[in-house]
């Protein structure tokens, strides 16, 4: 029996690496897109940890908010809409935003508008790393491969959309525009939650695989365009 322990441990290490590496690659890509002023490793590591905390918060809130779903068991479509858009996407994106806000809003390093994207993506991928490790250890290597090209980039995209509006909110706050700040803060939660809910809803529905692929491709392309555009137009707050 003990002869198999090293093999089992090695296999688990491979699974964990398979869960982490795609997120690390995306983190490097996003970090390099920061044109004006690179963020400190300490700040970025803190936001990754805050992303893990967000995953734990979301785990608890999803358990709580899923309790009333028994009232909608006779309406499958309504059940899935509430589950994926409110219980799952709402819980996860609110948890991410909470930890993003606590970890960066008052930081002296938050001095450029594009920093909002960097911070948000790091929180989102910290969340995704923890979530992916859990999935991969439970379901195996095939799950790691699938999530490497779907769920992990998906979380990065949700983070990009959150970060765009989060950065604008911080800019408005610096300018004293309270209305603009609040509007962008709300959009920083609602828009990623809508994208996240749509992603989960399509993935779980009977829609064709091509429909899901088209949605993912459109979201990835939009995110890539937003990153390039906002990185080039970055300015100090």
Protein backbone atom coordinates (compact mmCIF):
# COMPACT_ATOMS: atom_id res chain seq x y z
CA UNK A 1 0.00 0.00 0.00
CA UNK A 2 2.74 2.46 0.97
CA UNK A 3 4.41 1.95 -2.42
CA UNK A 4 1.42 3.68 -4.02
CA UNK A 5 1.59 6.77 -1.79
CA UNK A 6 4.35 8.53 -3.81
CA UNK A 7 2.40 7.79 -7.01
CA UNK A 8 -0.81 9.19 -5.55
CA UNK A 9 0.98 12.27 -4.27
CA UNK A 10 2.66 12.83 -7.64
CA UNK A 11 -0.68 12.51 -9.42
CA UNK A 12 -2.26 15.06 -7.08
CA UNK A 13 0.64 17.46 -7.67
CA UNK A 14 0.10 17.11 -11.44
CA UNK A 15 -3.62 17.80 -11.01
CA UNK A 16 -2.94 20.88 -8.88
CA UNK A 17 -0.40 22.19 -11.42
CA UNK A 18 -2.91 21.58 -14.22
CA UNK A 19 -5.43 23.61 -12.23
CA UNK A 20 -3.04 26.49 -11.52
CA UNK A 21 -0.90 26.91 -14.66
CA UNK A 22 -3.63 28.31 -16.99
CA UNK A 23 -4.48 30.97 -14.39
CA UNK A 24 -0.79 31.84 -13.89
CA UNK A 25 -0.36 32.33 -17.64
CA UNK A 26 -3.34 34.70 -17.74
CA UNK A 27 -2.02 36.59 -14.70
CA UNK A 28 1.31 37.15 -16.48
CA UNK A 29 -0.43 38.35 -19.65
CA UNK A 30 -2.60 40.82 -17.73
CA UNK A 31 0.34 42.00 -15.60
CA UNK A 32 2.39 42.75 -18.72
CA UNK A 33 -0.48 44.77 -20.18
CA UNK A 34 -0.04 47.36 -17.41
CA UNK A 35 1.61 50.16 -19.38
CA UNK A 36 2.10 53.06 -16.97
CA UNK A 37 3.20 51.68 -13.63
CA UNK A 38 3.61 48.05 -12.55
CA UNK A 39 1.93 47.00 -9.33
CA UNK A 40 3.99 45.66 -6.43
CA UNK A 41 4.25 41.87 -5.97
CA UNK A 42 2.98 42.34 -2.40
CA UNK A 43 -0.21 44.00 -3.62
CA UNK A 44 -0.84 41.38 -6.31
CA UNK A 45 -0.20 38.47 -3.95
CA UNK A 46 -2.61 40.01 -1.43
CA UNK A 47 -5.32 40.25 -4.10
CA UNK A 48 -4.79 36.62 -5.10
CA UNK A 49 -5.29 35.61 -1.47
CA UNK A 50 -8.35 37.86 -1.29
CA UNK A 51 -9.67 36.00 -4.34
CA UNK A 52 -9.38 32.72 -2.43
CA UNK A 53 -11.24 34.31 0.49
CA UNK A 54 -13.92 35.45 -1.97
CA UNK A 55 -14.33 31.84 -3.10
CA UNK A 56 -14.91 30.74 0.49
CA UNK A 57 -17.41 33.55 1.08
CA UNK A 58 -19.26 32.61 -2.12
CA UNK A 59 -19.35 28.97 -1.07
CA UNK A 60 -21.22 29.90 2.12
CA UNK A 61 -23.54 32.44 0.48
CA UNK A 62 -24.48 30.02 -2.31
CA UNK A 63 -25.48 27.44 0.29
CA UNK A 64 -27.69 29.99 2.05
CA UNK A 65 -29.30 31.53 -1.04
CA UNK A 66 -29.95 28.15 -2.64
CA UNK A 67 -32.31 27.14 0.18
CA UNK A 68 -35.40 28.95 -1.26
CA UNK A 69 -34.87 27.24 -4.64
CA UNK A 70 -37.11 24.36 -3.50
CA UNK A 71 -40.03 26.73 -4.14
CA UNK A 72 -39.24 26.71 -7.86
CA UNK A 73 -38.61 23.01 -8.47
CA UNK A 74 -41.76 22.73 -10.59
CA UNK A 75 -40.51 25.49 -12.94
CA UNK A 76 -37.16 24.25 -14.31
CA UNK A 77 -36.43 27.33 -16.44
CA UNK A 78 -37.16 29.78 -13.63
CA UNK A 79 -35.23 27.55 -11.22
CA UNK A 80 -32.14 27.66 -13.48
CA UNK A 81 -32.40 31.42 -14.02
CA UNK A 82 -32.50 32.07 -10.27
CA UNK A 83 -29.79 29.49 -9.61
CA UNK A 84 -27.28 30.66 -12.19
CA UNK A 85 -27.91 34.42 -12.31
CA UNK A 86 -28.65 35.15 -8.64
CA UNK A 87 -27.42 32.31 -6.43
CA UNK A 88 -24.20 31.43 -8.28
CA UNK A 89 -23.22 34.49 -10.36
CA UNK A 90 -24.60 37.00 -7.84
CA UNK A 91 -22.87 35.36 -4.89
CA UNK A 92 -19.53 34.91 -6.65
CA UNK A 93 -19.28 38.32 -8.30
CA UNK A 94 -20.43 40.14 -5.15
CA UNK A 95 -17.85 38.23 -3.10
CA UNK A 96 -15.14 39.10 -5.62
CA UNK A 97 -16.13 42.76 -5.62
CA UNK A 98 -16.19 42.90 -1.83
CA UNK A 99 -12.66 41.52 -1.56
CA UNK A 100 -11.49 43.68 -4.47
CA UNK A 101 -12.82 46.78 -2.74
CA UNK A 102 -11.38 45.88 0.66
CA UNK A 103 -8.02 45.00 -0.87
CA UNK A 104 -7.47 47.95 -3.17
CA UNK A 105 -9.88 50.90 -3.04
CA UNK A 106 -7.96 52.92 -0.46
CA UNK A 107 -4.52 51.70 -1.51
CA UNK A 108 -1.93 54.33 -2.46
CA UNK A 109 -0.93 52.05 -5.33
CA UNK A 110 -4.33 52.52 -6.94
CA UNK A 111 -3.17 55.58 -8.88
CA UNK A 112 -4.04 54.63 -12.47
CA UNK A 113 -7.43 53.84 -13.95
CA UNK A 114 -6.23 50.59 -15.56
CA UNK A 115 -5.10 49.37 -12.13
CA UNK A 116 -8.75 48.50 -11.59
CA UNK A 117 -8.50 45.85 -14.31
CA UNK A 118 -5.25 44.42 -12.92
CA UNK A 119 -6.64 44.20 -9.39
CA UNK A 120 -9.96 42.73 -10.45
CA UNK A 121 -8.39 40.06 -12.65
CA UNK A 122 -6.01 39.02 -9.87
CA UNK A 123 -8.90 38.65 -7.43
CA UNK A 124 -10.93 36.76 -10.04
CA UNK A 125 -8.09 34.39 -10.87
CA UNK A 126 -7.31 33.84 -7.19
CA UNK A 127 -10.95 32.78 -6.97
CA UNK A 128 -10.60 30.63 -10.09
CA UNK A 129 -7.42 28.91 -8.88
CA UNK A 130 -9.08 27.80 -5.64
CA UNK A 131 -12.23 26.72 -7.45
CA UNK A 132 -10.27 24.89 -10.14
CA UNK A 133 -8.13 22.97 -7.66
CA UNK A 134 -11.33 21.76 -5.96
CA UNK A 135 -12.87 20.65 -9.26
CA UNK A 136 -9.73 18.99 -10.58
CA UNK A 137 -8.95 17.03 -7.42
CA UNK A 138 -12.53 15.80 -7.41
CA UNK A 139 -13.08 15.10 -11.11
CA UNK A 140 -9.60 14.53 -12.53
CA UNK A 141 -7.29 15.67 -15.31
CA UNK A 142 -9.91 15.85 -18.07
CA UNK A 143 -11.77 18.47 -16.06
CA UNK A 144 -8.53 20.48 -15.79
CA UNK A 145 -8.17 20.52 -19.57
CA UNK A 146 -11.78 21.61 -20.14
CA UNK A 147 -11.69 24.31 -17.47
CA UNK A 148 -8.33 25.58 -18.76
CA UNK A 149 -10.05 26.85 -21.92
CA UNK A 150 -13.46 27.70 -20.46
CA UNK A 151 -13.90 28.45 -16.75
CA UNK A 152 -10.51 30.03 -15.98
CA UNK A 153 -10.50 32.42 -18.97
CA UNK A 154 -14.18 32.99 -18.17
CA UNK A 155 -13.34 34.24 -14.68
CA UNK A 156 -10.61 36.42 -16.18
CA UNK A 157 -13.18 37.94 -18.57
CA UNK A 158 -15.63 38.59 -15.74
CA UNK A 159 -12.75 40.24 -13.90
CA UNK A 160 -11.89 42.43 -16.90
CA UNK A 161 -15.45 43.75 -17.17
CA UNK A 162 -15.56 44.31 -13.41
CA UNK A 163 -12.19 46.03 -13.46
CA UNK A 164 -13.06 48.42 -16.30
CA UNK A 165 -15.95 49.92 -14.33
CA UNK A 166 -14.10 49.64 -11.02
CA UNK A 167 -11.28 51.76 -12.43
CA UNK A 168 -13.73 54.33 -13.81
CA UNK A 169 -15.48 54.41 -10.42
CA UNK A 170 -12.15 55.17 -8.73
CA UNK A 171 -11.48 57.93 -11.26
CA UNK A 172 -14.91 59.46 -10.61
CA UNK A 173 -14.32 59.26 -6.87
CA UNK A 174 -11.07 61.21 -7.28
CA UNK A 175 -12.92 63.83 -9.35
CA UNK A 176 -15.65 64.14 -6.73
CA UNK A 177 -18.32 62.71 -9.04
CA UNK A 178 -20.32 60.68 -6.51
CA UNK A 179 -23.10 59.78 -8.96
CA UNK A 180 -20.64 58.48 -11.55
CA UNK A 181 -18.77 56.56 -8.87
CA UNK A 182 -21.92 54.79 -7.62
CA UNK A 183 -23.16 54.00 -11.13
CA UNK A 184 -19.84 52.44 -12.13
CA UNK A 185 -19.59 50.50 -8.87
CA UNK A 186 -23.02 49.00 -9.53
CA UNK A 187 -22.09 48.19 -13.14
CA UNK A 188 -18.86 46.58 -11.88
CA UNK A 189 -21.03 43.98 -10.15
CA UNK A 190 -24.07 43.67 -12.41
CA UNK A 191 -22.34 43.30 -15.77
CA UNK A 192 -19.93 40.50 -14.70
CA UNK A 193 -22.83 38.77 -12.91
CA UNK A 194 -24.93 38.87 -16.09
CA UNK A 195 -22.05 37.46 -18.15
CA UNK A 196 -21.34 34.83 -15.50
CA UNK A 197 -25.00 33.85 -15.25
CA UNK A 198 -25.33 33.62 -19.02
CA UNK A 199 -22.19 31.47 -19.20
CA UNK A 200 -23.50 29.03 -16.58
CA UNK A 201 -27.05 29.02 -17.96
CA UNK A 202 -25.92 28.17 -21.50
CA UNK A 203 -23.40 25.58 -20.26
CA UNK A 204 -26.11 23.76 -18.29
CA UNK A 205 -28.88 24.03 -20.87
CA UNK A 206 -29.69 21.83 -23.85
CA UNK A 207 -28.33 24.44 -26.24
CA UNK A 208 -25.89 23.20 -28.84
CA UNK A 209 -22.18 23.16 -28.08
CA UNK A 210 -21.66 25.62 -30.93
CA UNK A 211 -23.87 28.18 -29.19
CA UNK A 212 -21.74 27.90 -26.06
CA UNK A 213 -18.53 28.17 -28.09
CA UNK A 214 -19.81 31.27 -29.91
CA UNK A 215 -20.73 32.93 -26.61
CA UNK A 216 -17.32 32.17 -25.09
CA UNK A 217 -15.49 33.35 -28.23
CA UNK A 218 -17.47 36.62 -28.30
CA UNK A 219 -16.76 37.26 -24.61
CA UNK A 220 -13.05 36.49 -25.04
CA UNK A 221 -12.73 38.77 -28.07
CA UNK A 222 -14.59 41.61 -26.32
CA UNK A 223 -12.34 41.21 -23.27
CA UNK A 224 -9.18 41.24 -25.41
CA UNK A 225 -10.32 44.44 -27.16
CA UNK A 226 -11.17 46.09 -23.83
CA UNK A 227 -7.77 45.20 -22.36
CA UNK A 228 -5.87 46.59 -25.35
CA UNK A 229 -7.98 49.74 -25.57
CA UNK A 230 -7.94 50.57 -21.86
CA UNK A 231 -4.27 49.70 -21.44
CA UNK A 232 -3.30 52.10 -24.22
CA UNK A 233 -5.58 54.87 -22.93
CA UNK A 234 -4.56 54.44 -19.29
CA UNK A 235 -4.12 57.61 -17.27
CA UNK A 236 -3.23 58.60 -13.74
CA UNK A 237 -6.01 59.20 -11.23
